[in-house]
Amino acid sequence: MRKHGAILERESDRTENERRSVNRESLISKLPLIIRWIDHTLAEHAAAARPIVSFGFKRLPQFYSSALLLKAKVVAVDAVPVPPLRSLGLPEFGAFELGNYRGITFKDTYFVERHHEDDESLHFHELVHVAQWARLGAENFLLAYAEGLAIYGYRHSPLEAMAYDFQNDFDQNCPPFDMESAICAKLNEI
């Protein structure tokens, strides 16, 4: 997920005392509701989903496998959909729910703001999350994402930090490397 700057700064500036721990049992009990919302959202937008390869980006194939690029889908929207976490019984994630995001990933599909759909760097970032979802599976991804968000805040949560760090390398025109292997290695460190 890629966030707009002002909100990103506010979230990343939170002190340890401001960060709430997540009740793991409560979160686990809400996973079916979150996954149901995600599946419904994906189904609602399925007709508008485009394969990432249809964008014709030149650098993404140098980093991601053709299998991942053929599987990943993109939906351009005016505002990215965010799960209604407060109404699903997770008020501790209210700030996340109210965030202003350029992109968000659910499983093998990600949503980008329409006016950023040509931003190859944003697609690179969201593809990191597609690979994370694929490696961890839905439940483990959601647990890891939520726990990282609760403990470290948005920007420094492990899954976001990984995506931003790799995106920074991409933006600095680093030589191509196997992203999926690098992502797996980083996930093994978490």
Protein backbone atom coordinates (compact mmCIF):
# COMPACT_ATOMS: atom_id res chain seq x y z
CA MET A 1 0.00 0.00 0.00
CA ARG A 2 1.35 3.41 -0.88
CA LYS A 3 0.25 6.37 1.17
CA HIS A 4 0.16 10.08 0.48
CA GLY A 5 2.90 11.99 2.30
CA ALA A 6 1.08 14.05 4.94
CA ILE A 7 -0.75 11.12 6.48
CA LEU A 8 2.34 8.96 6.24
CA GLU A 9 4.31 11.45 8.32
CA ARG A 10 1.63 11.61 11.02
CA GLU A 11 1.45 7.83 11.37
CA SER A 12 5.20 7.29 11.35
CA ASP A 13 5.72 9.94 14.01
CA ARG A 14 3.67 8.09 16.60
CA THR A 15 5.54 7.34 19.82
CA GLU A 16 5.77 3.92 21.39
CA ASN A 17 3.20 4.98 24.00
CA GLU A 18 0.73 5.93 21.28
CA ARG A 19 1.01 2.59 19.51
CA ARG A 20 -1.58 0.07 20.59
CA SER A 21 -0.98 -3.60 20.81
CA VAL A 22 -3.38 -5.75 18.88
CA ASN A 23 -5.50 -8.39 20.54
CA ARG A 24 -4.46 -11.37 18.43
CA GLU A 25 -7.45 -13.52 19.39
CA SER A 26 -9.87 -10.71 18.52
CA LEU A 27 -8.09 -10.14 15.22
CA ILE A 28 -8.15 -13.86 14.37
CA SER A 29 -11.88 -13.99 15.09
CA LYS A 30 -12.42 -11.08 12.65
CA LEU A 31 -10.36 -12.56 9.80
CA PRO A 32 -13.33 -14.31 8.14
CA LEU A 33 -15.23 -10.99 8.07
CA ILE A 34 -12.25 -9.15 6.59
CA ILE A 35 -11.64 -11.85 3.99
CA ARG A 36 -15.34 -11.88 3.10
CA TRP A 37 -15.21 -8.08 2.61
CA ILE A 38 -12.08 -8.44 0.45
CA ASP A 39 -13.63 -11.19 -1.68
CA HIS A 40 -16.80 -9.14 -2.13
CA THR A 41 -14.77 -6.06 -3.11
CA LEU A 42 -12.72 -8.06 -5.61
CA ALA A 43 -15.88 -9.56 -7.12
CA GLU A 44 -17.49 -6.10 -7.41
CA HIS A 45 -14.50 -4.81 -9.38
CA ALA A 46 -13.61 -7.95 -11.36
CA ALA A 47 -14.89 -6.56 -14.65
CA ALA A 48 -12.65 -3.49 -14.32
CA ALA A 49 -9.51 -5.47 -13.37
CA ARG A 50 -6.71 -5.35 -15.92
CA PRO A 51 -3.64 -7.57 -16.02
CA ILE A 52 -0.54 -5.59 -15.07
CA VAL A 53 1.11 -6.71 -18.31
CA SER A 54 -1.48 -4.68 -20.24
CA PHE A 55 0.12 -1.47 -18.95
CA GLY A 56 3.29 -2.15 -20.94
CA PHE A 57 5.74 -1.12 -18.21
CA LYS A 58 9.32 -1.75 -19.31
CA ARG A 59 11.12 -2.21 -15.99
CA LEU A 60 8.71 -4.40 -13.99
CA PRO A 61 9.49 -7.54 -16.06
CA GLN A 62 13.14 -7.10 -15.15
CA PHE A 63 12.28 -7.62 -11.47
CA TYR A 64 9.17 -9.82 -11.35
CA SER A 65 8.53 -13.21 -12.95
CA SER A 66 6.21 -13.48 -15.91
CA ALA A 67 4.03 -15.80 -13.80
CA LEU A 68 3.46 -13.11 -11.18
CA LEU A 69 2.97 -10.39 -13.79
CA LEU A 70 0.40 -12.53 -15.65
CA LYS A 71 -1.43 -13.27 -12.41
CA ALA A 72 -1.49 -9.76 -10.92
CA LYS A 73 -4.46 -7.55 -11.72
CA VAL A 74 -4.96 -3.80 -11.35
CA VAL A 75 -8.13 -1.81 -10.82
CA ALA A 76 -7.96 1.96 -11.33
CA VAL A 77 -10.42 3.77 -9.05
CA ASP A 78 -11.15 7.29 -7.87
CA ALA A 79 -10.49 6.26 -4.24
CA VAL A 80 -8.97 2.96 -3.16
CA PRO A 81 -11.30 0.74 -1.11
CA VAL A 82 -10.26 0.19 2.49
CA PRO A 83 -11.88 -2.45 4.70
CA PRO A 84 -14.38 -0.97 7.20
CA LEU A 85 -12.31 -2.19 10.13
CA ARG A 86 -14.13 -0.19 12.81
CA SER A 87 -17.52 -1.57 11.81
CA LEU A 88 -16.00 -5.06 11.68
CA GLY A 89 -15.12 -4.71 15.36
CA LEU A 90 -11.51 -3.51 15.09
CA PRO A 91 -11.62 0.12 16.32
CA GLU A 92 -7.88 0.10 17.01
CA PHE A 93 -7.36 0.30 13.24
CA GLY A 94 -9.57 3.34 12.75
CA ALA A 95 -6.67 5.58 11.71
CA PHE A 96 -5.67 3.09 9.03
CA GLU A 97 -9.23 2.91 7.75
CA LEU A 98 -9.35 6.70 7.40
CA GLY A 99 -6.04 6.90 5.51
CA ASN A 100 -5.67 8.42 2.08
CA TYR A 101 -3.92 5.82 -0.06
CA ARG A 102 -2.66 5.77 -3.65
CA GLY A 103 -2.85 2.00 -3.77
CA ILE A 104 -3.93 -1.05 -1.78
CA THR A 105 -3.47 -4.76 -2.47
CA PHE A 106 -5.85 -7.62 -1.80
CA LYS A 107 -4.53 -11.03 -2.75
CA ASP A 108 -3.44 -10.94 -6.43
CA THR A 109 -5.30 -7.71 -7.21
CA TYR A 110 -4.47 -4.18 -6.31
CA PHE A 111 -6.32 -0.92 -6.59
CA VAL A 112 -4.62 2.33 -7.60
CA GLU A 113 -5.97 5.84 -7.77
CA ARG A 114 -6.89 6.54 -11.35
CA HIS A 115 -4.58 9.55 -11.62
CA HIS A 116 -1.61 7.38 -10.53
CA GLU A 117 -2.26 4.37 -12.78
CA ASP A 118 0.73 5.19 -15.01
CA ASP A 119 3.16 5.40 -12.07
CA GLU A 120 5.42 2.37 -12.57
CA SER A 121 6.96 2.89 -9.13
CA LEU A 122 3.54 2.60 -7.46
CA HIS A 123 2.88 -0.63 -9.37
CA PHE A 124 6.29 -1.92 -8.28
CA HIS A 125 5.36 -1.23 -4.63
CA GLU A 126 1.97 -2.93 -4.91
CA LEU A 127 3.52 -5.95 -6.63
CA VAL A 128 5.69 -6.44 -3.54
CA HIS A 129 2.42 -6.86 -1.65
CA VAL A 130 1.03 -9.25 -4.29
CA ALA A 131 4.12 -11.42 -3.73
CA GLN A 132 3.72 -11.13 0.07
CA TRP A 133 0.09 -12.23 -0.16
CA ALA A 134 1.09 -15.16 -2.39
CA ARG A 135 3.83 -16.30 -0.04
CA LEU A 136 1.97 -15.83 3.26
CA GLY A 137 -1.61 -16.59 2.27
CA ALA A 138 -4.55 -14.38 3.18
CA GLU A 139 -4.80 -15.09 6.91
CA ASN A 140 -1.07 -14.89 7.63
CA PHE A 141 -0.70 -11.75 5.51
CA LEU A 142 -3.55 -10.02 7.33
CA LEU A 143 -2.22 -11.05 10.76
CA ALA A 144 1.33 -9.92 9.95
CA TYR A 145 0.10 -6.65 8.43
CA ALA A 146 -2.20 -5.84 11.36
CA GLU A 147 0.37 -6.72 14.01
CA GLY A 148 3.04 -4.66 12.23
CA LEU A 149 0.66 -1.74 11.91
CA ALA A 150 -0.27 -1.89 15.60
CA ILE A 151 3.31 -2.18 16.83
CA TYR A 152 5.28 0.00 14.42
CA GLY A 153 2.76 2.27 12.70
CA TYR A 154 2.10 2.35 8.98
CA ARG A 155 5.46 3.28 7.46
CA HIS A 156 7.59 1.13 9.72
CA SER A 157 5.42 -1.97 9.79
CA PRO A 158 7.56 -4.81 8.39
CA LEU A 159 5.48 -5.52 5.28
CA GLU A 160 5.23 -1.84 4.33
CA ALA A 161 8.86 -1.13 5.19
CA MET A 162 9.88 -3.98 2.88
CA ALA A 163 7.76 -2.60 0.03
CA TYR A 164 9.05 0.95 0.52
CA ASP A 165 12.69 -0.17 0.77
CA PHE A 166 12.47 -2.22 -2.43
CA GLN A 167 10.58 0.61 -4.13
CA ASN A 168 13.33 3.03 -3.14
CA ASP A 169 15.90 0.71 -4.74
CA PHE A 170 13.74 0.57 -7.89
CA ASP A 171 13.40 4.38 -7.93
CA GLN A 172 17.19 4.71 -7.63
CA ASN A 173 17.55 2.61 -10.80
CA CYS A 174 19.23 -0.32 -9.08
CA PRO A 175 20.23 -3.23 -11.31
CA PRO A 176 17.40 -5.76 -11.78
CA PHE A 177 17.19 -8.68 -9.39
CA ASP A 178 14.75 -11.49 -8.58
CA MET A 179 12.16 -9.67 -6.44
CA GLU A 180 10.18 -12.73 -5.49
CA SER A 181 13.25 -14.48 -4.06
CA ALA A 182 14.26 -11.28 -2.25
CA ILE A 183 10.76 -10.93 -0.81
CA CYS A 184 10.75 -14.55 0.38
CA ALA A 185 14.12 -14.04 2.05
CA LYS A 186 12.90 -10.89 3.81
CA LEU A 187 9.69 -12.61 4.93
CA ASN A 188 11.78 -15.39 6.46
CA GLU A 189 13.54 -12.72 8.56
CA ILE A 190 10.30 -11.34 9.99
